[in-house]
Amino acid sequence: MAGKNVDTEALGKAASALGTYIANVQNSIQKMKDAATDCSDNMGSDVYSQRAIEKLQDCSKALNKTITEAESLRKTILKKKQQIQDSANRF
């Protein structure tokens, strides 16, 4: 890896893009939950609506896991960026 430079600006952009992704997915999850609540309120205990709501809840759980993984990756990128900047400042 000697002789290779790392663009810390690019790392910052990647972390920022992940932050945007996380916020957008969280917003979408909330919209789906709100829609499920509205559906439940309007349809009552309709069997088909309840099945759809259950599937949506399963989907939300999977998306939340993805958000957790994306946040972990974002933190790793920011940590690496900081390490590189600290290393460069020592010289």
C-alpha atoms as a PDB file:
ATOM      1  CA  MET A   1       0.000   0.000   0.000  1.00  0.00           C
ATOM      2  CA  ALA A   2       3.047   2.211   0.050  1.00  0.00           C
ATOM      3  CA  GLY A   3       2.820   5.160  -2.268  1.00  0.00           C
ATOM      4  CA  LYS A   4      -0.977   5.212  -2.353  1.00  0.00           C
ATOM      5  CA  ASN A   5      -2.881   8.250  -1.182  1.00  0.00           C
ATOM      6  CA  VAL A   6      -6.299   8.137   0.394  1.00  0.00           C
ATOM      7  CA  ASP A   7      -8.728  10.920  -0.440  1.00  0.00           C
ATOM      8  CA  THR A   8     -10.238  11.855   2.920  1.00  0.00           C
ATOM      9  CA  GLU A   9     -12.714  14.114   1.132  1.00  0.00           C
ATOM     10  CA  ALA A  10     -14.055  11.064  -0.714  1.00  0.00           C
ATOM     11  CA  LEU A  11     -14.374   9.223   2.597  1.00  0.00           C
ATOM     12  CA  GLY A  12     -16.324  12.168   3.973  1.00  0.00           C
ATOM     13  CA  LYS A  13     -18.621  12.134   0.945  1.00  0.00           C
ATOM     14  CA  ALA A  14     -19.201   8.402   1.354  1.00  0.00           C
ATOM     15  CA  ALA A  15     -20.087   8.871   5.021  1.00  0.00           C
ATOM     16  CA  SER A  16     -22.392  11.740   4.128  1.00  0.00           C
ATOM     17  CA  ALA A  17     -24.111   9.673   1.436  1.00  0.00           C
ATOM     18  CA  LEU A  18     -24.659   6.873   3.946  1.00  0.00           C
ATOM     19  CA  GLY A  19     -26.147   9.405   6.366  1.00  0.00           C
ATOM     20  CA  THR A  20     -28.548  10.562   3.658  1.00  0.00           C
ATOM     21  CA  TYR A  21     -29.443   6.954   2.837  1.00  0.00           C
ATOM     22  CA  ILE A  22     -30.129   6.202   6.500  1.00  0.00           C
ATOM     23  CA  ALA A  23     -32.354   9.261   6.907  1.00  0.00           C
ATOM     24  CA  ASN A  24     -34.302   8.464   3.735  1.00  0.00           C
ATOM     25  CA  VAL A  25     -34.874   4.839   4.724  1.00  0.00           C
ATOM     26  CA  GLN A  26     -35.965   5.870   8.224  1.00  0.00           C
ATOM     27  CA  ASN A  27     -38.393   8.356   6.684  1.00  0.00           C
ATOM     28  CA  SER A  28     -39.768   5.682   4.357  1.00  0.00           C
ATOM     29  CA  ILE A  29     -40.205   3.243   7.239  1.00  0.00           C
ATOM     30  CA  GLN A  30     -42.155   5.845   9.166  1.00  0.00           C
ATOM     31  CA  LYS A  31     -44.391   6.506   6.161  1.00  0.00           C
ATOM     32  CA  MET A  32     -45.073   2.777   5.818  1.00  0.00           C
ATOM     33  CA  LYS A  33     -45.909   2.496   9.516  1.00  0.00           C
ATOM     34  CA  ASP A  34     -48.248   5.483   9.266  1.00  0.00           C
ATOM     35  CA  ALA A  35     -49.934   3.934   6.231  1.00  0.00           C
ATOM     36  CA  ALA A  36     -50.323   0.636   8.093  1.00  0.00           C
ATOM     37  CA  THR A  37     -51.908   2.445  11.027  1.00  0.00           C
ATOM     38  CA  ASP A  38     -54.306   4.239   8.687  1.00  0.00           C
ATOM     39  CA  CYS A  39     -55.130   0.963   6.954  1.00  0.00           C
ATOM     40  CA  SER A  40     -55.808  -0.748  10.261  1.00  0.00           C
ATOM     41  CA  ASP A  41     -57.971   2.145  11.432  1.00  0.00           C
ATOM     42  CA  ASN A  42     -59.964   2.155   8.205  1.00  0.00           C
ATOM     43  CA  MET A  43     -60.270  -1.582   7.620  1.00  0.00           C
ATOM     44  CA  GLY A  44     -60.579  -2.735  11.214  1.00  0.00           C
ATOM     45  CA  SER A  45     -59.758  -6.392  11.664  1.00  0.00           C
ATOM     46  CA  ASP A  46     -59.943  -7.293   7.977  1.00  0.00           C
ATOM     47  CA  VAL A  47     -57.916 -10.488   7.493  1.00  0.00           C
ATOM     48  CA  TYR A  48     -56.226  -9.339   4.284  1.00  0.00           C
ATOM     49  CA  SER A  49     -55.269  -5.963   5.730  1.00  0.00           C
ATOM     50  CA  GLN A  50     -53.834  -7.595   8.835  1.00  0.00           C
ATOM     51  CA  ARG A  51     -51.703  -9.931   6.716  1.00  0.00           C
ATOM     52  CA  ALA A  52     -50.381  -6.992   4.728  1.00  0.00           C
ATOM     53  CA  ILE A  53     -49.624  -5.089   7.937  1.00  0.00           C
ATOM     54  CA  GLU A  54     -47.757  -8.100   9.350  1.00  0.00           C
ATOM     55  CA  LYS A  55     -45.665  -8.369   6.191  1.00  0.00           C
ATOM     56  CA  LEU A  56     -44.951  -4.648   6.356  1.00  0.00           C
ATOM     57  CA  GLN A  57     -43.779  -5.042   9.948  1.00  0.00           C
ATOM     58  CA  ASP A  58     -41.433  -7.840   8.873  1.00  0.00           C
ATOM     59  CA  CYS A  59     -40.119  -5.600   6.118  1.00  0.00           C
ATOM     60  CA  SER A  60     -39.597  -2.748   8.586  1.00  0.00           C
ATOM     61  CA  LYS A  61     -37.560  -5.041  10.849  1.00  0.00           C
ATOM     62  CA  ALA A  62     -35.328  -6.032   7.939  1.00  0.00           C
ATOM     63  CA  LEU A  63     -34.896  -2.401   6.903  1.00  0.00           C
ATOM     64  CA  ASN A  64     -34.007  -1.419  10.466  1.00  0.00           C
ATOM     65  CA  LYS A  65     -31.287  -4.084  10.439  1.00  0.00           C
ATOM     66  CA  THR A  66     -29.964  -2.572   7.215  1.00  0.00           C
ATOM     67  CA  ILE A  67     -29.967   0.871   8.815  1.00  0.00           C
ATOM     68  CA  THR A  68     -27.967  -0.459  11.751  1.00  0.00           C
ATOM     69  CA  GLU A  69     -25.402  -1.966   9.381  1.00  0.00           C
ATOM     70  CA  ALA A  70     -25.221   1.231   7.326  1.00  0.00           C
ATOM     71  CA  GLU A  71     -24.701   3.304  10.484  1.00  0.00           C
ATOM     72  CA  SER A  72     -21.919   0.971  11.584  1.00  0.00           C
ATOM     73  CA  LEU A  73     -20.239   1.321   8.191  1.00  0.00           C
ATOM     74  CA  ARG A  74     -20.627   5.121   8.321  1.00  0.00           C
ATOM     75  CA  LYS A  75     -18.945   5.215  11.743  1.00  0.00           C
ATOM     76  CA  THR A  76     -16.127   2.987  10.478  1.00  0.00           C
ATOM     77  CA  ILE A  77     -15.542   5.285   7.504  1.00  0.00           C
ATOM     78  CA  LEU A  78     -15.492   8.380   9.721  1.00  0.00           C
ATOM     79  CA  LYS A  79     -13.100   6.694  12.155  1.00  0.00           C
ATOM     80  CA  LYS A  80     -10.747   5.706   9.325  1.00  0.00           C
ATOM     81  CA  LYS A  81     -10.938   9.226   7.884  1.00  0.00           C
ATOM     82  CA  GLN A  82      -9.981  10.667  11.271  1.00  0.00           C
ATOM     83  CA  GLN A  83      -7.105   8.206  11.638  1.00  0.00           C
ATOM     84  CA  ILE A  84      -5.750   9.193   8.232  1.00  0.00           C
ATOM     85  CA  GLN A  85      -6.052  12.891   9.007  1.00  0.00           C
ATOM     86  CA  ASP A  86      -4.367  12.434  12.393  1.00  0.00           C
ATOM     87  CA  SER A  87      -1.573  10.451  10.740  1.00  0.00           C
ATOM     88  CA  ALA A  88      -1.070  13.134   8.101  1.00  0.00           C
ATOM     89  CA  ASN A  89      -0.976  15.876  10.754  1.00  0.00           C
ATOM     90  CA  ARG A  90       1.889  14.132  12.534  1.00  0.00           C
ATOM     91  CA  PHE A  91       4.159  14.689   9.549  1.00  0.00           C
END
